[in-house]
Amino acid sequence: MAVFSQKVIWITGASSGIGEAVAIELAKQNPKLILSARRIDELQRVAAQLNLPETDVLVLPMDMTDVKSLPTHVEAVRQRFGRIDYVFQNAGITQRSTVVDTDFSVYQRLMDVNFFGVVALTKAVLPLMLAQGSGHFVVTSSVAGKLGTKQRSGYCASKHALHGFFDALRAETYDAGLRVTLVCPGYIRTPISLHALGADGQVHNKMDTNQEQGMAVDVFAQRLLKAVANAKEEVYIGGTEIYGIYLKRFLPNLLSRILRKREGA
């Protein structure tokens, strides 16, 4: 599968978890990679693992919530590589708190990172892709983007919002040569739960059991890239938790009873 060879691919959330795994897997095909996240030291650590020429890797630290800076970052990529073929949007945070206890500022933070930052970067990249007549947005949603579970209200809301936005974008730009893939991971072995926000915005700092026992992140990355190479519009990757999406569609009352009985954290 040499679909990604020499393609210019921008990965957000590239300093750990899914973003890091996708970068490592993509590097096997010799693309040109842009690695973005807030922590430059972690981005440099990931870049050192890729075995790509320095000219083919751009470490570009950025904060997705600083939306006014995003067009400047897009221009930096354009200046370096001349085009953008794929944008893998993985930056995101989750939560561990009930609706009644959650401070409103936590919801604002979740939406800023998981939704508004993603929308802002997409809009900044979009004119370049339209001018090229090609481009592919790959957006990490979640099983929680298709249903709602305890202590994830803001996270679920932000991921649900991604589906509405990118389904609309796909319809608007398909004839212009652009493609959109929404990926819904289940439990993947990443540190996302460690950085979850509590009711007051403090970090959860705990690795959840479901996360620890989830799919290996390198296996996830391989399955994701296969789906993207085949231009899948939406893909679900994980274990048995994926079946919740189908229960929501065909047996919603049954799923509702199951979710009510489950522990939240």
C-alpha atoms as a PDB file:
ATOM      1  CA  MET A   1       0.000   0.000   0.000  1.00  0.00           C
ATOM      2  CA  ALA A   2       2.056   2.939  -1.323  1.00  0.00           C
ATOM      3  CA  VAL A   3      -0.876   5.343  -1.348  1.00  0.00           C
ATOM      4  CA  PHE A   4       0.902   7.806   0.933  1.00  0.00           C
ATOM      5  CA  SER A   5       4.341   7.805  -0.722  1.00  0.00           C
ATOM      6  CA  GLN A   6       5.631  11.390  -1.145  1.00  0.00           C
ATOM      7  CA  LYS A   7       2.277  12.797  -0.064  1.00  0.00           C
ATOM      8  CA  VAL A   8       2.317  15.850   2.204  1.00  0.00           C
ATOM      9  CA  ILE A   9       0.575  14.772   5.397  1.00  0.00           C
ATOM     10  CA  TRP A  10      -0.140  16.950   8.426  1.00  0.00           C
ATOM     11  CA  ILE A  11      -0.768  15.188  11.739  1.00  0.00           C
ATOM     12  CA  THR A  12      -2.124  17.036  14.773  1.00  0.00           C
ATOM     13  CA  GLY A  13      -1.892  15.481  18.200  1.00  0.00           C
ATOM     14  CA  ALA A  14       1.321  13.909  16.902  1.00  0.00           C
ATOM     15  CA  SER A  15       3.192  13.923  20.222  1.00  0.00           C
ATOM     16  CA  SER A  16       1.524  10.792  21.645  1.00  0.00           C
ATOM     17  CA  GLY A  17      -1.208   8.186  21.266  1.00  0.00           C
ATOM     18  CA  ILE A  18      -3.001   7.839  17.954  1.00  0.00           C
ATOM     19  CA  GLY A  19      -1.162  10.751  16.325  1.00  0.00           C
ATOM     20  CA  GLU A  20       2.248   9.310  17.149  1.00  0.00           C
ATOM     21  CA  ALA A  21       1.256   5.823  15.988  1.00  0.00           C
ATOM     22  CA  VAL A  22      -0.130   7.161  12.699  1.00  0.00           C
ATOM     23  CA  ALA A  23       3.104   9.094  12.075  1.00  0.00           C
ATOM     24  CA  ILE A  24       5.226   5.989  12.683  1.00  0.00           C
ATOM     25  CA  GLU A  25       3.058   3.834  10.430  1.00  0.00           C
ATOM     26  CA  LEU A  26       2.925   6.448   7.657  1.00  0.00           C
ATOM     27  CA  ALA A  27       6.708   6.889   7.739  1.00  0.00           C
ATOM     28  CA  LYS A  28       7.092   3.381   6.304  1.00  0.00           C
ATOM     29  CA  GLN A  29       5.795   4.752   2.989  1.00  0.00           C
ATOM     30  CA  ASN A  30       8.194   7.717   2.780  1.00  0.00           C
ATOM     31  CA  PRO A  31       5.731  10.621   2.873  1.00  0.00           C
ATOM     32  CA  LYS A  32       6.468  14.207   3.804  1.00  0.00           C
ATOM     33  CA  LEU A  33       5.180  14.709   7.342  1.00  0.00           C
ATOM     34  CA  ILE A  34       4.201  17.713   9.412  1.00  0.00           C
ATOM     35  CA  LEU A  35       4.017  16.899  13.122  1.00  0.00           C
ATOM     36  CA  SER A  36       1.990  19.239  15.324  1.00  0.00           C
ATOM     37  CA  ALA A  37       1.098  19.383  19.019  1.00  0.00           C
ATOM     38  CA  ARG A  38       1.923  21.756  21.849  1.00  0.00           C
ATOM     39  CA  ARG A  39       5.039  19.997  23.207  1.00  0.00           C
ATOM     40  CA  ILE A  40       8.018  20.507  20.895  1.00  0.00           C
ATOM     41  CA  ASP A  41      10.227  18.084  22.863  1.00  0.00           C
ATOM     42  CA  GLU A  42       7.728  15.259  22.374  1.00  0.00           C
ATOM     43  CA  LEU A  43       7.321  16.111  18.685  1.00  0.00           C
ATOM     44  CA  GLN A  44      11.102  15.929  18.267  1.00  0.00           C
ATOM     45  CA  ARG A  45      11.099  12.559  20.033  1.00  0.00           C
ATOM     46  CA  VAL A  46       8.500  11.253  17.563  1.00  0.00           C
ATOM     47  CA  ALA A  47      10.381  12.736  14.591  1.00  0.00           C
ATOM     48  CA  ALA A  48      13.552  10.928  15.657  1.00  0.00           C
ATOM     49  CA  GLN A  49      11.758   7.569  15.351  1.00  0.00           C
ATOM     50  CA  LEU A  50      10.608   8.041  11.762  1.00  0.00           C
ATOM     51  CA  ASN A  51      13.862   7.385   9.847  1.00  0.00           C
ATOM     52  CA  LEU A  52      12.881   9.985   7.268  1.00  0.00           C
ATOM     53  CA  PRO A  53      15.184  12.627   5.773  1.00  0.00           C
ATOM     54  CA  GLU A  54      15.145  15.877   7.754  1.00  0.00           C
ATOM     55  CA  THR A  55      13.908  17.638   4.624  1.00  0.00           C
ATOM     56  CA  ASP A  56      10.776  15.461   4.681  1.00  0.00           C
ATOM     57  CA  VAL A  57       9.738  16.192   8.282  1.00  0.00           C
ATOM     58  CA  LEU A  58       8.521  19.508   9.658  1.00  0.00           C
ATOM     59  CA  VAL A  59       8.099  19.762  13.424  1.00  0.00           C
ATOM     60  CA  LEU A  60       5.472  22.479  13.828  1.00  0.00           C
ATOM     61  CA  PRO A  61       4.362  23.043  17.430  1.00  0.00           C
ATOM     62  CA  MET A  62       1.006  24.750  17.808  1.00  0.00           C
ATOM     63  CA  ASP A  63      -1.964  25.150  20.123  1.00  0.00           C
ATOM     64  CA  MET A  64      -5.269  24.191  18.486  1.00  0.00           C
ATOM     65  CA  THR A  65      -7.130  26.646  20.704  1.00  0.00           C
ATOM     66  CA  ASP A  66      -5.098  29.577  19.346  1.00  0.00           C
ATOM     67  CA  VAL A  67      -7.276  29.698  16.255  1.00  0.00           C
ATOM     68  CA  LYS A  68      -5.945  33.057  15.026  1.00  0.00           C
ATOM     69  CA  SER A  69      -2.473  31.522  14.599  1.00  0.00           C
ATOM     70  CA  LEU A  70      -3.614  28.576  12.471  1.00  0.00           C
ATOM     71  CA  PRO A  71      -3.545  30.326   9.060  1.00  0.00           C
ATOM     72  CA  THR A  72       0.079  31.275   9.777  1.00  0.00           C
ATOM     73  CA  HIS A  73       0.907  27.606  10.389  1.00  0.00           C
ATOM     74  CA  VAL A  74      -0.841  26.629   7.154  1.00  0.00           C
ATOM     75  CA  GLU A  75       1.274  29.160   5.291  1.00  0.00           C
ATOM     76  CA  ALA A  76       4.435  27.716   6.891  1.00  0.00           C
ATOM     77  CA  VAL A  77       3.482  24.277   5.569  1.00  0.00           C
ATOM     78  CA  ARG A  78       2.713  25.678   2.138  1.00  0.00           C
ATOM     79  CA  GLN A  79       6.055  27.475   2.034  1.00  0.00           C
ATOM     80  CA  ARG A  80       7.885  24.275   2.973  1.00  0.00           C
ATOM     81  CA  PHE A  81       6.078  21.691   0.836  1.00  0.00           C
ATOM     82  CA  GLY A  82       3.878  23.616  -1.592  1.00  0.00           C
ATOM     83  CA  ARG A  83       0.729  21.639  -0.932  1.00  0.00           C
ATOM     84  CA  ILE A  84      -1.194  19.597   1.680  1.00  0.00           C
ATOM     85  CA  ASP A  85      -2.603  16.224   0.655  1.00  0.00           C
ATOM     86  CA  TYR A  86      -3.880  14.873   3.981  1.00  0.00           C
ATOM     87  CA  VAL A  87      -4.684  16.355   7.378  1.00  0.00           C
ATOM     88  CA  PHE A  88      -5.022  13.828  10.207  1.00  0.00           C
ATOM     89  CA  GLN A  89      -6.750  15.662  13.064  1.00  0.00           C
ATOM     90  CA  ASN A  90      -6.107  13.812  16.328  1.00  0.00           C
ATOM     91  CA  ALA A  91      -5.784  16.581  18.911  1.00  0.00           C
ATOM     92  CA  GLY A  92      -8.349  16.145  21.653  1.00  0.00           C
ATOM     93  CA  ILE A  93      -9.130  15.800  25.354  1.00  0.00           C
ATOM     94  CA  THR A  94     -11.818  13.903  27.238  1.00  0.00           C
ATOM     95  CA  GLN A  95     -13.509  14.247  30.640  1.00  0.00           C
ATOM     96  CA  ARG A  96     -14.549  12.332  33.724  1.00  0.00           C
ATOM     97  CA  SER A  97     -17.401  14.209  35.449  1.00  0.00           C
ATOM     98  CA  THR A  98     -21.187  14.293  35.684  1.00  0.00           C
ATOM     99  CA  VAL A  99     -23.259  17.068  34.145  1.00  0.00           C
ATOM    100  CA  VAL A 100     -24.460  18.373  37.502  1.00  0.00           C
ATOM    101  CA  ASP A 101     -20.905  18.696  38.851  1.00  0.00           C
ATOM    102  CA  THR A 102     -19.089  19.955  35.756  1.00  0.00           C
ATOM    103  CA  ASP A 103     -18.054  23.583  35.671  1.00  0.00           C
ATOM    104  CA  PHE A 104     -19.138  25.330  32.473  1.00  0.00           C
ATOM    105  CA  SER A 105     -15.526  26.274  31.729  1.00  0.00           C
ATOM    106  CA  VAL A 106     -14.778  22.561  31.260  1.00  0.00           C
ATOM    107  CA  TYR A 107     -17.368  22.370  28.478  1.00  0.00           C
ATOM    108  CA  GLN A 108     -15.826  25.428  26.859  1.00  0.00           C
ATOM    109  CA  ARG A 109     -12.371  23.844  26.991  1.00  0.00           C
ATOM    110  CA  LEU A 110     -13.621  20.573  25.520  1.00  0.00           C
ATOM    111  CA  MET A 111     -15.354  22.336  22.640  1.00  0.00           C
ATOM    112  CA  ASP A 112     -12.399  24.643  21.998  1.00  0.00           C
ATOM    113  CA  VAL A 113      -9.955  21.754  21.602  1.00  0.00           C
ATOM    114  CA  ASN A 114     -12.134  18.991  20.173  1.00  0.00           C
ATOM    115  CA  PHE A 115     -14.386  21.007  17.879  1.00  0.00           C
ATOM    116  CA  PHE A 116     -13.563  24.678  17.311  1.00  0.00           C
ATOM    117  CA  GLY A 117      -9.830  24.066  16.909  1.00  0.00           C
ATOM    118  CA  VAL A 118     -10.511  21.305  14.399  1.00  0.00           C
ATOM    119  CA  VAL A 119     -12.958  23.506  12.482  1.00  0.00           C
ATOM    120  CA  ALA A 120     -10.530  26.437  12.465  1.00  0.00           C
ATOM    121  CA  LEU A 121      -7.649  24.355  11.090  1.00  0.00           C
ATOM    122  CA  THR A 122      -9.931  22.805   8.496  1.00  0.00           C
ATOM    123  CA  LYS A 123     -11.067  26.231   7.302  1.00  0.00           C
ATOM    124  CA  ALA A 124      -7.452  27.428   7.158  1.00  0.00           C
ATOM    125  CA  VAL A 125      -6.393  24.440   5.018  1.00  0.00           C
ATOM    126  CA  LEU A 126      -9.517  24.329   2.842  1.00  0.00           C
ATOM    127  CA  PRO A 127      -8.667  27.087   0.318  1.00  0.00           C
ATOM    128  CA  LEU A 128      -5.344  25.410  -0.494  1.00  0.00           C
ATOM    129  CA  MET A 129      -6.981  22.027  -1.048  1.00  0.00           C
ATOM    130  CA  LEU A 130      -9.717  23.545  -3.196  1.00  0.00           C
ATOM    131  CA  ALA A 131      -7.071  25.287  -5.317  1.00  0.00           C
ATOM    132  CA  GLN A 132      -5.249  21.953  -5.706  1.00  0.00           C
ATOM    133  CA  GLY A 133      -8.454  20.146  -6.615  1.00  0.00           C
ATOM    134  CA  SER A 134      -7.634  17.421  -4.096  1.00  0.00           C
ATOM    135  CA  GLY A 135      -7.159  16.793  -0.392  1.00  0.00           C
ATOM    136  CA  HIS A 136      -8.325  14.478   2.362  1.00  0.00           C
ATOM    137  CA  PHE A 137      -9.374  15.340   5.916  1.00  0.00           C
ATOM    138  CA  VAL A 138      -9.066  12.436   8.372  1.00  0.00           C
ATOM    139  CA  VAL A 139     -10.810  13.313  11.631  1.00  0.00           C
ATOM    140  CA  THR A 140     -10.627  11.326  14.852  1.00  0.00           C
ATOM    141  CA  SER A 141     -14.058  11.217  16.435  1.00  0.00           C
ATOM    142  CA  SER A 142     -15.002   8.391  18.825  1.00  0.00           C
ATOM    143  CA  VAL A 143     -17.627   5.782  19.539  1.00  0.00           C
ATOM    144  CA  ALA A 144     -18.741   8.581  21.886  1.00  0.00           C
ATOM    145  CA  GLY A 145     -19.400  10.627  18.761  1.00  0.00           C
ATOM    146  CA  LYS A 146     -22.276   8.260  17.947  1.00  0.00           C
ATOM    147  CA  LEU A 147     -23.813   7.769  21.407  1.00  0.00           C
ATOM    148  CA  GLY A 148     -23.729   9.267  24.912  1.00  0.00           C
ATOM    149  CA  THR A 149     -22.239   7.725  28.065  1.00  0.00           C
ATOM    150  CA  LYS A 150     -21.969   8.721  31.720  1.00  0.00           C
ATOM    151  CA  GLN A 151     -19.369  11.302  32.753  1.00  0.00           C
ATOM    152  CA  ARG A 152     -18.537  12.152  29.127  1.00  0.00           C
ATOM    153  CA  SER A 153     -21.255  14.700  28.313  1.00  0.00           C
ATOM    154  CA  GLY A 154     -18.956  17.415  26.981  1.00  0.00           C
ATOM    155  CA  TYR A 155     -16.666  14.979  25.223  1.00  0.00           C
ATOM    156  CA  CYS A 156     -19.624  13.267  23.555  1.00  0.00           C
ATOM    157  CA  ALA A 157     -21.088  16.617  22.528  1.00  0.00           C
ATOM    158  CA  SER A 158     -17.827  17.773  20.945  1.00  0.00           C
ATOM    159  CA  LYS A 159     -17.450  14.530  18.998  1.00  0.00           C
ATOM    160  CA  HIS A 160     -21.091  14.533  17.871  1.00  0.00           C
ATOM    161  CA  ALA A 161     -20.502  18.056  16.548  1.00  0.00           C
ATOM    162  CA  LEU A 162     -17.609  16.847  14.382  1.00  0.00           C
ATOM    163  CA  HIS A 163     -19.939  14.468  12.527  1.00  0.00           C
ATOM    164  CA  GLY A 164     -22.398  17.214  11.639  1.00  0.00           C
ATOM    165  CA  PHE A 165     -19.673  19.576  10.456  1.00  0.00           C
ATOM    166  CA  PHE A 166     -17.655  17.089   8.414  1.00  0.00           C
ATOM    167  CA  ASP A 167     -20.672  15.358   6.878  1.00  0.00           C
ATOM    168  CA  ALA A 168     -21.691  18.792   5.597  1.00  0.00           C
ATOM    169  CA  LEU A 169     -18.162  19.579   4.399  1.00  0.00           C
ATOM    170  CA  ARG A 170     -17.994  16.263   2.544  1.00  0.00           C
ATOM    171  CA  ALA A 171     -21.215  17.017   0.704  1.00  0.00           C
ATOM    172  CA  GLU A 172     -20.034  20.514  -0.213  1.00  0.00           C
ATOM    173  CA  THR A 173     -16.554  19.585  -1.471  1.00  0.00           C
ATOM    174  CA  TYR A 174     -16.838  16.064  -2.897  1.00  0.00           C
ATOM    175  CA  ASP A 175     -17.257  17.277  -6.485  1.00  0.00           C
ATOM    176  CA  ALA A 176     -14.222  19.527  -5.987  1.00  0.00           C
ATOM    177  CA  GLY A 177     -12.069  16.450  -5.388  1.00  0.00           C
ATOM    178  CA  LEU A 178     -11.876  16.548  -1.588  1.00  0.00           C
ATOM    179  CA  ARG A 179     -12.511  13.606   0.710  1.00  0.00           C
ATOM    180  CA  VAL A 180     -13.416  13.246   4.392  1.00  0.00           C
ATOM    181  CA  THR A 181     -12.922  10.212   6.632  1.00  0.00           C
ATOM    182  CA  LEU A 182     -14.401  10.206  10.137  1.00  0.00           C
ATOM    183  CA  VAL A 183     -12.881   7.535  12.352  1.00  0.00           C
ATOM    184  CA  CYS A 184     -14.595   6.382  15.542  1.00  0.00           C
ATOM    185  CA  PRO A 185     -12.140   4.591  17.840  1.00  0.00           C
ATOM    186  CA  GLY A 186     -13.343   2.429  20.668  1.00  0.00           C
ATOM    187  CA  TYR A 187     -10.983   1.675  23.545  1.00  0.00           C
ATOM    188  CA  ILE A 188      -7.452   2.177  22.231  1.00  0.00           C
ATOM    189  CA  ARG A 189      -4.367   1.862  24.433  1.00  0.00           C
ATOM    190  CA  THR A 190      -3.426   5.545  24.608  1.00  0.00           C
ATOM    191  CA  PRO A 191      -2.872   7.999  27.492  1.00  0.00           C
ATOM    192  CA  ILE A 192      -6.062   9.972  26.761  1.00  0.00           C
ATOM    193  CA  SER A 193      -7.709   9.087  30.080  1.00  0.00           C
ATOM    194  CA  LEU A 194      -4.650  10.316  32.002  1.00  0.00           C
ATOM    195  CA  HIS A 195      -5.279  13.819  30.675  1.00  0.00           C
ATOM    196  CA  ALA A 196      -9.078  13.788  31.058  1.00  0.00           C
ATOM    197  CA  LEU A 197     -10.627  16.838  32.704  1.00  0.00           C
ATOM    198  CA  GLY A 198     -12.466  16.501  35.991  1.00  0.00           C
ATOM    199  CA  ALA A 199     -15.472  18.546  37.110  1.00  0.00           C
ATOM    200  CA  ASP A 200     -13.308  21.545  38.040  1.00  0.00           C
ATOM    201  CA  GLY A 201     -10.975  21.262  35.067  1.00  0.00           C
ATOM    202  CA  GLN A 202      -8.236  19.465  36.961  1.00  0.00           C
ATOM    203  CA  VAL A 203      -6.524  16.537  35.227  1.00  0.00           C
ATOM    204  CA  HIS A 204      -7.916  13.052  35.962  1.00  0.00           C
ATOM    205  CA  ASN A 205      -4.370  11.587  36.044  1.00  0.00           C
ATOM    206  CA  LYS A 206      -5.587   8.000  36.027  1.00  0.00           C
ATOM    207  CA  MET A 207      -5.304   5.288  33.389  1.00  0.00           C
ATOM    208  CA  ASP A 208      -8.741   3.723  33.013  1.00  0.00           C
ATOM    209  CA  THR A 209      -8.986  -0.070  32.908  1.00  0.00           C
ATOM    210  CA  ASN A 210     -10.837  -0.068  29.584  1.00  0.00           C
ATOM    211  CA  GLN A 211      -8.064   2.052  28.079  1.00  0.00           C
ATOM    212  CA  GLU A 212      -5.328  -0.196  29.474  1.00  0.00           C
ATOM    213  CA  GLN A 213      -7.015  -3.259  27.993  1.00  0.00           C
ATOM    214  CA  GLY A 214      -7.872  -1.625  24.673  1.00  0.00           C
ATOM    215  CA  MET A 215      -6.573  -2.251  21.173  1.00  0.00           C
ATOM    216  CA  ALA A 216      -2.844  -1.684  20.668  1.00  0.00           C
ATOM    217  CA  VAL A 217      -2.367   1.730  19.105  1.00  0.00           C
ATOM    218  CA  ASP A 218      -0.132   0.433  16.288  1.00  0.00           C
ATOM    219  CA  VAL A 219      -2.839  -2.036  15.252  1.00  0.00           C
ATOM    220  CA  PHE A 220      -5.355   0.807  15.279  1.00  0.00           C
ATOM    221  CA  ALA A 221      -3.088   2.946  13.080  1.00  0.00           C
ATOM    222  CA  GLN A 222      -2.719   0.169  10.523  1.00  0.00           C
ATOM    223  CA  ARG A 223      -6.482  -0.301  10.288  1.00  0.00           C
ATOM    224  CA  LEU A 224      -7.071   3.426  10.057  1.00  0.00           C
ATOM    225  CA  LEU A 225      -4.605   3.899   7.199  1.00  0.00           C
ATOM    226  CA  LYS A 226      -6.187   1.034   5.280  1.00  0.00           C
ATOM    227  CA  ALA A 227      -9.582   2.747   5.618  1.00  0.00           C
ATOM    228  CA  VAL A 228      -8.150   6.105   4.521  1.00  0.00           C
ATOM    229  CA  ALA A 229      -6.390   4.535   1.549  1.00  0.00           C
ATOM    230  CA  ASN A 230      -9.771   3.149   0.500  1.00  0.00           C
ATOM    231  CA  ALA A 231     -11.403   6.580   1.025  1.00  0.00           C
ATOM    232  CA  LYS A 232     -13.896   5.252   3.569  1.00  0.00           C
ATOM    233  CA  GLU A 233     -16.277   7.974   4.726  1.00  0.00           C
ATOM    234  CA  GLU A 234     -16.719   6.616   8.267  1.00  0.00           C
ATOM    235  CA  VAL A 235     -14.982   3.762  10.034  1.00  0.00           C
ATOM    236  CA  TYR A 236     -15.319   2.159  13.482  1.00  0.00           C
ATOM    237  CA  ILE A 237     -12.182   0.582  14.995  1.00  0.00           C
ATOM    238  CA  GLY A 238     -11.968  -1.138  18.370  1.00  0.00           C
ATOM    239  CA  GLY A 239     -13.299  -4.125  20.273  1.00  0.00           C
ATOM    240  CA  THR A 240     -16.819  -5.189  21.202  1.00  0.00           C
ATOM    241  CA  GLU A 241     -17.655  -1.618  22.287  1.00  0.00           C
ATOM    242  CA  ILE A 242     -18.009  -0.820  18.580  1.00  0.00           C
ATOM    243  CA  TYR A 243     -21.265  -2.794  18.562  1.00  0.00           C
ATOM    244  CA  GLY A 244     -22.799  -0.009  20.649  1.00  0.00           C
ATOM    245  CA  ILE A 245     -22.985   2.061  17.455  1.00  0.00           C
ATOM    246  CA  TYR A 246     -25.116  -0.608  15.780  1.00  0.00           C
ATOM    247  CA  LEU A 247     -27.288  -1.025  18.877  1.00  0.00           C
ATOM    248  CA  LYS A 248     -27.895   2.726  18.839  1.00  0.00           C
ATOM    249  CA  ARG A 249     -29.053   2.465  15.247  1.00  0.00           C
ATOM    250  CA  PHE A 250     -31.188  -0.665  15.422  1.00  0.00           C
ATOM    251  CA  LEU A 251     -32.016  -1.254  19.124  1.00  0.00           C
ATOM    252  CA  PRO A 252     -31.731   2.161  20.810  1.00  0.00           C
ATOM    253  CA  ASN A 253     -33.841   1.264  23.854  1.00  0.00           C
ATOM    254  CA  LEU A 254     -31.659  -1.748  24.601  1.00  0.00           C
ATOM    255  CA  LEU A 255     -28.517   0.354  24.369  1.00  0.00           C
ATOM    256  CA  SER A 256     -30.064   2.968  26.647  1.00  0.00           C
ATOM    257  CA  ARG A 257     -30.715   0.345  29.325  1.00  0.00           C
ATOM    258  CA  ILE A 258     -27.141  -0.974  29.020  1.00  0.00           C
ATOM    259  CA  LEU A 259     -25.604   2.491  29.324  1.00  0.00           C
ATOM    260  CA  ARG A 260     -27.739   3.408  32.328  1.00  0.00           C
ATOM    261  CA  LYS A 261     -26.371   0.405  34.219  1.00  0.00           C
ATOM    262  CA  ARG A 262     -22.716   1.014  33.349  1.00  0.00           C
ATOM    263  CA  GLU A 263     -20.302   2.789  35.649  1.00  0.00           C
ATOM    264  CA  GLY A 264     -19.216   6.139  34.250  1.00  0.00           C
ATOM    265  CA  ALA A 265     -15.477   6.299  34.881  1.00  0.00           C
END
